[in-house]
């Protein structure tokens, strides 16, 4: 997919999407794309009317992309109230010493932190826009009482979410969270214990699969929850069964996330791009089969974001697959010491600490070298990405991963071929008119068509 191109004219690059009838054309600078019948490719590329229309709209396409890449401001925080976790997942991106013996925030400290964050957002967000705070891990439910008190204290001013491993959610906690409509995320890596417990287990080695399934059963019918599955060499063969389990449990949304390779544990269970793509696309197709059979969707959010990057670029909700990514630009992270990081993936990497919430406030962190090194990471400056036709659909994620694998932010992240195959699959869906099966209901309610052209048949 890599081609050299000139910036003087629209660089319309053909891409084989693996479709029987259609190929794609992509303009790399603006992420403009078109599907063209294969037998008409040469004719289309030479069509002055078509090229002229693309040229005429190039500035508006570029402005739309620039808004997405550079026009957003931070509106969310990943808040780690403790460094500790009751699990010892083999691939965790946080160091084990931190998860075993790390520090925690007291209730008063959490309240002080949220007040400081709220003051910052009042100065930076438009009136009426509430910031989002996601209590994140390590395992936030270890500080359950303090978190629940904070949710009630700031409920009118902050939109809260909780990302948890699920093992500490009893009926009382579920009632508290669901009655307040808290966005809730859990983690599960397999359709049965034998798979899940290979990578997700307690410090003493006990499995946790059945505990999490029971929580998901209790959440059946609650629309504001999702499940994250981390894709590793240990579960690829079972992804079809896993999405079947999620669907049976009426999980509305899941994420199928390739394992992050920021620590050796993740690198050891990193699948090959080809194996990952084969299993991942198979799982996606299984979700479509289930939708066709039942009329009920299981949305794979990270893939839905790729489809949105094609059909409605500024409707994207996840910011890992755009460059610069969302780290330090749309969101940032606070650890249990109050230290500020561009993203949770950087917690534990001392070189990316951008200050401290309690001693220096928030604003200054965005001017630090730690934060600027991440927000200045752009695909145009990455050698293997700058000439890639799909660079604005992928974004060379993830900067923390790139740094830990290569020792340099200015390198591509992991899974390059995997991201290419995702885009090819998304374009095949559009060619066949099947994309709606992979998108949340109502995804286009706030979108509008800004450019449409039909070539003569």
Protein backbone atom coordinates (compact mmCIF):
# COMPACT_ATOMS: atom_id res chain seq x y z
CA UNK A 1 0.00 0.00 0.00
CA UNK A 2 2.99 2.33 -0.06
CA UNK A 3 3.45 4.70 -2.95
CA UNK A 4 5.31 7.94 -3.56
CA UNK A 5 3.06 10.83 -4.47
CA UNK A 6 3.11 14.51 -5.32
CA UNK A 7 1.28 17.13 -3.28
CA UNK A 8 0.60 19.31 -6.35
CA UNK A 9 -2.33 17.24 -7.59
CA UNK A 10 -4.61 14.76 -5.83
CA UNK A 11 -2.58 11.56 -5.56
CA UNK A 12 -5.18 8.91 -6.31
CA UNK A 13 -3.61 5.61 -5.29
CA UNK A 14 -5.27 2.32 -6.32
CA UNK A 15 -5.63 -0.25 -3.54
CA UNK A 16 -6.61 -3.87 -4.07
CA UNK A 17 -9.26 -4.58 -1.41
CA UNK A 18 -9.70 -8.24 -2.27
CA UNK A 19 -13.14 -7.74 -3.81
CA UNK A 20 -14.31 -9.55 -6.91
CA UNK A 21 -15.65 -6.47 -8.70
CA UNK A 22 -14.26 -3.36 -7.04
CA UNK A 23 -10.94 -1.77 -6.26
CA UNK A 24 -10.43 1.33 -4.15
CA UNK A 25 -8.80 4.66 -4.87
CA UNK A 26 -7.40 6.61 -1.92
CA UNK A 27 -5.99 10.14 -1.74
CA UNK A 28 -3.46 9.83 1.10
CA UNK A 29 -3.29 13.46 2.28
CA UNK A 30 -7.03 13.80 2.92
CA UNK A 31 -8.18 10.16 3.26
CA UNK A 32 -10.60 10.69 0.36
CA UNK A 33 -11.57 7.34 -1.12
CA UNK A 34 -13.70 5.93 -3.90
CA UNK A 35 -14.72 2.47 -5.01
CA UNK A 36 -14.30 1.79 -8.71
CA UNK A 37 -15.13 -1.20 -10.88
CA UNK A 38 -11.86 -2.93 -11.66
CA UNK A 39 -12.34 -2.78 -15.41
CA UNK A 40 -12.83 0.98 -15.19
CA UNK A 41 -9.86 1.83 -12.99
CA UNK A 42 -7.60 3.27 -15.70
CA UNK A 43 -10.53 5.17 -17.21
CA UNK A 44 -11.45 6.67 -13.85
CA UNK A 45 -7.92 7.79 -13.03
CA UNK A 46 -7.81 9.55 -16.40
CA UNK A 47 -11.29 11.07 -16.04
CA UNK A 48 -10.78 14.86 -15.85
CA UNK A 49 -14.28 15.40 -14.51
CA UNK A 50 -13.71 13.00 -11.62
CA UNK A 51 -10.22 14.28 -10.82
CA UNK A 52 -11.50 17.84 -11.09
CA UNK A 53 -14.24 17.20 -8.54
CA UNK A 54 -11.73 15.70 -6.13
CA UNK A 55 -9.44 18.69 -6.67
CA UNK A 56 -12.31 21.14 -6.10
CA UNK A 57 -13.18 19.58 -2.76
CA UNK A 58 -9.60 18.92 -1.62
CA UNK A 59 -9.48 21.90 0.75
CA UNK A 60 -12.68 20.93 2.50
CA UNK A 61 -11.48 17.33 2.81
CA UNK A 62 -8.18 18.56 4.27
CA UNK A 63 -9.98 20.90 6.68
CA UNK A 64 -12.13 18.02 7.93
CA UNK A 65 -9.06 15.88 8.52
CA UNK A 66 -7.17 18.73 10.20
CA UNK A 67 -10.09 19.31 12.56
CA UNK A 68 -10.02 15.67 13.60
CA UNK A 69 -6.24 15.64 13.98
CA UNK A 70 -5.51 19.05 15.47
CA UNK A 71 -8.76 20.80 16.38
CA UNK A 72 -9.90 18.78 19.39
CA UNK A 73 -9.16 19.60 23.03
CA UNK A 74 -8.88 17.27 26.03
CA UNK A 75 -12.26 16.31 27.45
CA UNK A 76 -11.55 13.02 29.20
CA UNK A 77 -9.23 11.60 31.86
CA UNK A 78 -8.20 8.03 32.59
CA UNK A 79 -7.99 8.14 36.37
CA UNK A 80 -6.04 5.41 38.20
CA UNK A 81 -6.96 5.70 41.91
CA UNK A 82 -4.63 2.82 42.75
CA UNK A 83 -1.57 1.18 41.27
CA UNK A 84 -2.60 -2.19 42.67
CA UNK A 85 -4.53 -5.00 41.04
CA UNK A 86 -5.92 -8.24 42.41
CA UNK A 87 -5.01 -9.99 39.14
CA UNK A 88 -1.66 -10.79 37.58
CA UNK A 89 -2.50 -10.94 33.87
CA UNK A 90 0.49 -12.16 31.90
CA UNK A 91 0.36 -9.35 29.31
CA UNK A 92 -0.44 -6.34 31.53
CA UNK A 93 1.15 -3.07 30.41
CA UNK A 94 1.73 -2.03 34.05
CA UNK A 95 4.82 -3.39 35.87
CA UNK A 96 4.09 -6.29 38.23
CA UNK A 97 5.82 -4.61 41.18
CA UNK A 98 3.44 -1.69 40.85
CA UNK A 99 0.40 -3.96 40.66
CA UNK A 100 1.47 -5.90 43.76
CA UNK A 101 2.75 -3.17 46.06
CA UNK A 102 1.84 0.17 44.52
CA UNK A 103 0.33 3.23 46.16
CA UNK A 104 -3.34 4.19 46.41
CA UNK A 105 -5.30 7.41 46.75
CA UNK A 106 -7.38 8.11 49.81
CA UNK A 107 -10.97 9.29 49.42
CA UNK A 108 -9.97 12.86 50.27
CA UNK A 109 -7.18 12.71 47.72
CA UNK A 110 -9.56 11.47 45.03
CA UNK A 111 -11.96 14.32 45.82
CA UNK A 112 -9.10 16.86 45.62
CA UNK A 113 -7.95 15.41 42.31
CA UNK A 114 -11.43 15.53 40.78
CA UNK A 115 -11.92 19.11 41.96
CA UNK A 116 -8.65 20.15 40.34
CA UNK A 117 -9.56 18.37 37.10
CA UNK A 118 -13.01 19.92 37.10
CA UNK A 119 -11.55 23.41 37.53
CA UNK A 120 -9.31 22.76 34.52
CA UNK A 121 -12.17 21.57 32.33
CA UNK A 122 -14.34 24.52 33.32
CA UNK A 123 -11.64 26.77 31.89
CA UNK A 124 -11.09 24.79 28.71
CA UNK A 125 -14.39 23.20 27.64
CA UNK A 126 -17.43 25.04 26.26
CA UNK A 127 -20.19 25.87 28.70
CA UNK A 128 -22.51 22.93 29.25
CA UNK A 129 -19.98 20.28 28.17
CA UNK A 130 -19.25 17.83 30.97
CA UNK A 131 -15.84 16.16 31.02
CA UNK A 132 -15.53 12.39 31.24
CA UNK A 133 -13.55 10.61 33.95
CA UNK A 134 -12.93 6.90 33.54
CA UNK A 135 -11.75 5.13 36.68
CA UNK A 136 -9.16 2.84 35.23
CA UNK A 137 -6.59 0.25 36.16
CA UNK A 138 -4.72 -1.30 37.64
CA UNK A 139 -8.02 -2.29 39.38
CA UNK A 140 -10.12 0.71 40.47
CA UNK A 141 -12.67 -1.38 42.37
CA UNK A 142 -10.03 -1.96 45.04
CA UNK A 143 -10.97 1.62 46.01
CA UNK A 144 -14.67 0.99 45.59
CA UNK A 145 -16.01 3.02 48.54
CA UNK A 146 -13.98 6.10 47.64
CA UNK A 147 -14.94 5.83 43.95
CA UNK A 148 -18.63 5.46 44.71
CA UNK A 149 -18.52 8.46 47.04
CA UNK A 150 -16.82 10.49 44.32
CA UNK A 151 -19.37 9.46 41.70
CA UNK A 152 -22.20 10.70 43.91
CA UNK A 153 -20.35 13.89 44.86
CA UNK A 154 -19.58 14.96 41.27
CA UNK A 155 -22.49 13.31 39.42
CA UNK A 156 -23.92 16.60 38.13
CA UNK A 157 -20.60 17.84 36.74
CA UNK A 158 -18.69 14.81 35.44
CA UNK A 159 -19.66 11.87 33.24
CA UNK A 160 -18.15 8.80 34.88
CA UNK A 161 -17.05 5.43 33.59
CA UNK A 162 -15.42 2.45 35.29
CA UNK A 163 -13.08 0.00 33.57
CA UNK A 164 -12.68 -3.08 35.76
CA UNK A 165 -11.62 -6.70 35.57
CA UNK A 166 -15.06 -7.50 36.99
CA UNK A 167 -13.99 -9.83 39.77
CA UNK A 168 -14.92 -7.39 42.56
CA UNK A 169 -18.37 -6.48 41.28
CA UNK A 170 -20.98 -7.93 43.63
CA UNK A 171 -24.73 -7.32 43.42
CA UNK A 172 -24.51 -4.17 45.54
CA UNK A 173 -21.83 -2.65 43.30
CA UNK A 174 -23.75 -3.56 40.15
CA UNK A 175 -26.87 -1.94 41.55
CA UNK A 176 -24.97 1.23 42.42
CA UNK A 177 -23.35 1.56 39.00
CA UNK A 178 -26.34 0.65 36.87
CA UNK A 179 -28.79 2.81 38.83
CA UNK A 180 -26.56 5.81 38.09
CA UNK A 181 -26.12 4.85 34.43
CA UNK A 182 -22.36 4.61 34.79
CA UNK A 183 -20.51 3.45 31.69
CA UNK A 184 -19.03 0.11 32.66
CA UNK A 185 -16.28 -1.87 30.96
CA UNK A 186 -15.14 -5.39 31.83
CA UNK A 187 -12.49 -7.73 30.49
CA UNK A 188 -12.84 -11.32 29.29
CA UNK A 189 -10.46 -13.13 26.98
CA UNK A 190 -12.09 -16.45 26.23
CA UNK A 191 -15.37 -18.30 25.77
CA UNK A 192 -14.54 -20.72 28.59
CA UNK A 193 -12.15 -21.02 31.52
CA UNK A 194 -9.48 -23.02 29.74
CA UNK A 195 -8.81 -20.07 27.42
CA UNK A 196 -9.46 -17.07 29.65
CA UNK A 197 -7.41 -18.37 32.55
CA UNK A 198 -4.28 -18.85 30.44
CA UNK A 199 -3.58 -15.13 30.61
CA UNK A 200 -6.00 -13.65 33.18
CA UNK A 201 -5.59 -15.00 36.69
CA UNK A 202 -4.93 -13.97 40.27
CA UNK A 203 -1.49 -13.54 41.82
CA UNK A 204 -1.89 -17.01 43.32
CA UNK A 205 -2.67 -18.47 39.90
CA UNK A 206 -6.44 -18.96 40.22
CA UNK A 207 -8.69 -18.43 37.22
CA UNK A 208 -11.41 -15.77 37.07
CA UNK A 209 -13.50 -16.72 34.02
CA UNK A 210 -16.63 -17.88 35.82
CA UNK A 211 -16.69 -14.82 38.09
CA UNK A 212 -16.71 -12.44 35.14
CA UNK A 213 -19.36 -14.41 33.25
CA UNK A 214 -21.65 -14.21 36.28
CA UNK A 215 -21.24 -10.42 36.32
CA UNK A 216 -22.05 -10.25 32.62
CA UNK A 217 -25.14 -12.34 33.22
CA UNK A 218 -26.20 -9.86 35.91
CA UNK A 219 -25.65 -6.98 33.46
CA UNK A 220 -27.85 -8.54 30.78
CA UNK A 221 -30.16 -5.81 29.47
CA UNK A 222 -27.97 -2.94 30.70
CA UNK A 223 -27.05 -1.07 27.54
CA UNK A 224 -24.23 1.00 28.98
CA UNK A 225 -21.62 -1.71 29.31
CA UNK A 226 -18.95 -3.24 27.11
CA UNK A 227 -16.34 -6.01 27.23
CA UNK A 228 -12.72 -5.82 26.19
CA UNK A 229 -11.00 -8.92 24.87
CA UNK A 230 -7.23 -8.77 24.50
CA UNK A 231 -6.12 -10.77 21.48
CA UNK A 232 -3.09 -12.98 22.05
CA UNK A 233 -1.62 -16.20 20.76
CA UNK A 234 -3.59 -17.89 23.55
CA UNK A 235 -7.12 -17.08 22.33
CA UNK A 236 -7.06 -16.41 18.57
CA UNK A 237 -8.44 -19.85 17.76
CA UNK A 238 -11.54 -19.18 19.87
CA UNK A 239 -12.65 -15.69 18.81
CA UNK A 240 -15.71 -16.93 16.96
CA UNK A 241 -16.88 -18.76 20.06
CA UNK A 242 -16.08 -15.72 22.20
CA UNK A 243 -18.21 -13.28 20.20
CA UNK A 244 -20.92 -15.94 20.31
CA UNK A 245 -20.74 -15.88 24.11
CA UNK A 246 -20.87 -12.09 24.17
CA UNK A 247 -23.88 -12.12 21.88
CA UNK A 248 -25.67 -14.72 24.00
CA UNK A 249 -25.04 -12.57 27.09
CA UNK A 250 -26.54 -9.60 25.23
CA UNK A 251 -23.35 -7.58 25.50
CA UNK A 252 -24.07 -4.49 23.36
CA UNK A 253 -20.46 -3.59 22.57
CA UNK A 254 -17.10 -5.27 22.75
CA UNK A 255 -13.57 -4.45 21.76
CA UNK A 256 -11.19 -6.98 20.24
CA UNK A 257 -7.85 -5.36 21.04
CA UNK A 258 -4.50 -6.77 19.88
CA UNK A 259 -2.27 -7.15 22.91
CA UNK A 260 -0.14 -4.10 23.66
CA UNK A 261 3.56 -4.82 23.47
CA UNK A 262 4.82 -2.23 25.94
CA UNK A 263 6.22 -4.88 28.31
CA UNK A 264 7.87 -8.29 27.69
CA UNK A 265 4.77 -10.14 28.90
CA UNK A 266 2.70 -8.67 26.09
CA UNK A 267 5.46 -9.21 23.55
CA UNK A 268 5.63 -12.91 24.40
CA UNK A 269 1.99 -13.50 23.45
CA UNK A 270 1.91 -11.16 20.45
CA UNK A 271 0.37 -12.96 17.46
CA UNK A 272 1.66 -12.55 13.94
CA UNK A 273 -0.15 -10.01 11.78
CA UNK A 274 -1.40 -12.69 9.41
CA UNK A 275 -2.75 -14.93 12.16
CA UNK A 276 -4.31 -11.94 13.91
CA UNK A 277 -6.03 -10.69 10.77
CA UNK A 278 -7.42 -14.11 9.87
CA UNK A 279 -8.91 -14.72 13.32
CA UNK A 280 -10.11 -11.15 13.80
CA UNK A 281 -11.91 -10.89 10.46
CA UNK A 282 -13.46 -14.29 11.07
CA UNK A 283 -14.83 -13.07 14.40
CA UNK A 284 -16.22 -9.95 12.72
CA UNK A 285 -18.02 -12.03 10.13
CA UNK A 286 -19.45 -14.16 12.93
CA UNK A 287 -20.98 -11.04 14.51
CA UNK A 288 -22.69 -10.29 11.19
CA UNK A 289 -24.04 -13.84 11.00
CA UNK A 290 -25.45 -13.49 14.52
CA UNK A 291 -27.04 -10.17 13.61
CA UNK A 292 -28.66 -11.66 10.53
CA UNK A 293 -29.95 -14.60 12.58
CA UNK A 294 -31.34 -12.61 15.50
CA UNK A 295 -31.66 -8.95 14.47
CA UNK A 296 -29.51 -7.99 17.47
CA UNK A 297 -26.08 -6.43 17.00
CA UNK A 298 -22.86 -7.02 18.85
CA UNK A 299 -20.81 -3.98 17.85
CA UNK A 300 -17.04 -4.46 17.82
CA UNK A 301 -16.19 -0.88 18.71
CA UNK A 302 -12.61 -0.72 17.49
CA UNK A 303 -13.58 -2.10 14.09
CA UNK A 304 -16.68 0.10 13.94
CA UNK A 305 -14.26 3.00 14.33
CA UNK A 306 -12.39 1.84 11.22
CA UNK A 307 -15.66 1.67 9.28
CA UNK A 308 -16.53 5.16 10.49
CA UNK A 309 -13.10 6.36 9.33
CA UNK A 310 -14.29 5.36 5.86
CA UNK A 311 -17.93 6.44 5.81
CA UNK A 312 -17.90 9.36 8.28
CA UNK A 313 -14.35 10.32 9.36
CA UNK A 314 -15.24 12.95 11.94
CA UNK A 315 -17.74 10.59 13.59
CA UNK A 316 -14.90 8.47 14.95
CA UNK A 317 -15.10 7.97 18.70
CA UNK A 318 -11.83 6.16 19.39
CA UNK A 319 -8.60 8.04 18.81
CA UNK A 320 -5.98 5.31 18.61
CA UNK A 321 -6.11 5.00 14.81
CA UNK A 322 -5.49 8.61 13.85
CA UNK A 323 -2.27 10.61 13.96
CA UNK A 324 -1.57 12.25 16.33
CA UNK A 325 -3.48 9.80 18.48
CA UNK A 326 -5.77 10.96 21.28
CA UNK A 327 -3.05 10.83 23.94
CA UNK A 328 -2.46 14.29 25.47
CA UNK A 329 -4.75 15.68 22.80
CA UNK A 330 -8.24 14.35 23.52
CA UNK A 331 -7.51 12.73 26.87
CA UNK A 332 -4.75 12.22 29.40
CA UNK A 333 -4.11 10.00 32.41
CA UNK A 334 -3.63 10.51 36.14
CA UNK A 335 -1.95 7.86 38.25
CA UNK A 336 -2.36 7.14 41.95
CA UNK A 337 0.42 9.62 42.84
CA UNK A 338 -1.31 12.37 40.89
CA UNK A 339 1.33 12.17 38.16
CA UNK A 340 0.14 13.12 34.68
CA UNK A 341 0.78 11.02 31.58
CA UNK A 342 -0.34 11.39 27.95
CA UNK A 343 -2.25 8.09 28.17
CA UNK A 344 -2.61 5.14 30.53
CA UNK A 345 -0.26 3.17 28.26
CA UNK A 346 2.57 5.46 29.38
CA UNK A 347 2.01 4.95 33.12
CA UNK A 348 5.13 3.32 34.51
CA UNK A 349 7.34 4.93 31.82
CA UNK A 350 9.07 7.69 33.78
CA UNK A 351 10.19 9.61 30.70
CA UNK A 352 6.57 10.44 29.89
CA UNK A 353 5.56 12.01 33.18
CA UNK A 354 4.33 15.52 32.42
CA UNK A 355 3.97 16.91 35.93
CA UNK A 356 1.82 16.31 38.95
CA UNK A 357 -1.83 17.21 39.46
CA UNK A 358 -1.36 18.19 43.11
CA UNK A 359 1.83 20.23 42.80
CA UNK A 360 1.55 21.86 39.39
CA UNK A 361 -2.05 21.65 38.22
CA UNK A 362 -3.01 20.49 34.76
CA UNK A 363 -2.29 23.14 32.12
CA UNK A 364 1.48 22.95 32.35
CA UNK A 365 1.64 19.27 31.45
CA UNK A 366 0.68 19.95 27.84
CA UNK A 367 3.77 22.14 27.40
CA UNK A 368 6.21 19.55 28.73
CA UNK A 369 8.57 17.60 26.50
CA UNK A 370 6.90 14.40 27.72
CA UNK A 371 3.50 15.42 26.34
CA UNK A 372 4.75 17.30 23.29
CA UNK A 373 6.80 14.31 22.16
CA UNK A 374 3.53 12.38 21.86
CA UNK A 375 1.32 15.10 20.35
CA UNK A 376 4.01 15.88 17.76
CA UNK A 377 4.21 12.25 16.62
CA UNK A 378 2.63 12.29 13.17
CA UNK A 379 2.60 9.76 10.37
CA UNK A 380 4.23 12.32 8.06
CA UNK A 381 7.39 12.09 10.20
CA UNK A 382 7.54 8.29 10.42
CA UNK A 383 9.68 6.89 7.63
CA UNK A 384 7.67 3.74 6.96
CA UNK A 385 4.34 5.58 7.17
CA UNK A 386 4.80 8.91 5.41
CA UNK A 387 4.26 7.43 1.95
CA UNK A 388 1.53 4.99 2.95
CA UNK A 389 -1.79 5.50 1.19
CA UNK A 390 -3.83 4.58 4.26
CA UNK A 391 -1.85 6.50 6.87
CA UNK A 392 -4.89 8.52 7.98
CA UNK A 393 -6.99 5.38 8.48
CA UNK A 394 -4.36 3.74 10.69
CA UNK A 395 -2.27 6.40 12.42
CA UNK A 396 0.68 4.09 13.13
CA UNK A 397 -0.55 3.20 16.61
CA UNK A 398 0.42 3.07 19.44
CA UNK A 399 3.18 5.58 20.41
CA UNK A 400 3.84 3.90 23.77
CA UNK A 401 4.12 0.57 21.97
CA UNK A 402 6.41 2.03 19.30
CA UNK A 403 8.64 3.51 21.99
CA UNK A 404 8.94 0.28 23.95
CA UNK A 405 9.48 -1.92 20.88
CA UNK A 406 11.88 0.37 19.02
CA UNK A 407 13.07 2.81 21.67
CA UNK A 408 11.83 5.64 19.49
CA UNK A 409 8.45 7.34 19.08
CA UNK A 410 9.28 8.14 15.45
CA UNK A 411 8.77 4.52 14.43
CA UNK A 412 5.66 2.68 13.32
CA UNK A 413 3.77 0.74 15.94
CA UNK A 414 2.93 -2.94 15.86
CA UNK A 415 0.50 -4.76 13.56
CA UNK A 416 1.00 -2.77 10.34
CA UNK A 417 -0.32 -5.51 8.01
CA UNK A 418 -3.19 -6.20 10.39
CA UNK A 419 -4.41 -2.60 10.11
CA UNK A 420 -4.17 -2.80 6.32
CA UNK A 421 -6.37 -5.90 6.31
CA UNK A 422 -8.92 -4.19 8.57
CA UNK A 423 -9.28 -1.35 6.08
CA UNK A 424 -9.54 -3.70 3.11
CA UNK A 425 -12.31 -5.58 4.90
CA UNK A 426 -14.14 -2.34 5.75
CA UNK A 427 -14.02 -1.24 2.12
CA UNK A 428 -15.31 -4.63 0.98
CA UNK A 429 -18.26 -4.21 3.34
CA UNK A 430 -19.02 -0.80 1.87
CA UNK A 431 -18.75 -2.19 -1.66
CA UNK A 432 -21.35 -4.82 -0.76
CA UNK A 433 -23.58 -2.49 1.26
CA UNK A 434 -23.00 -4.48 4.46
CA UNK A 435 -21.39 -1.85 6.67
CA UNK A 436 -24.50 -1.10 8.73
CA UNK A 437 -24.29 -4.52 10.38
CA UNK A 438 -21.03 -3.43 12.00
CA UNK A 439 -22.05 0.04 13.16
CA UNK A 440 -24.12 1.07 16.19
CA UNK A 441 -27.74 1.94 15.52
CA UNK A 442 -28.17 5.64 14.82
CA UNK A 443 -24.51 6.14 13.93
CA UNK A 444 -25.42 8.53 11.11
CA UNK A 445 -28.01 10.62 12.93
CA UNK A 446 -25.63 13.56 13.32
CA UNK A 447 -23.78 13.15 10.02
CA UNK A 448 -24.33 14.69 6.61
CA UNK A 449 -23.07 13.95 3.12
CA UNK A 450 -20.59 16.59 1.99
CA UNK A 451 -19.43 15.00 -1.28
CA UNK A 452 -20.92 12.34 -3.50
CA UNK A 453 -20.20 11.49 -7.10
CA UNK A 454 -21.47 8.64 -9.24
CA UNK A 455 -19.41 7.61 -12.23
CA UNK A 456 -21.21 6.72 -15.43
CA UNK A 457 -21.84 3.01 -15.62
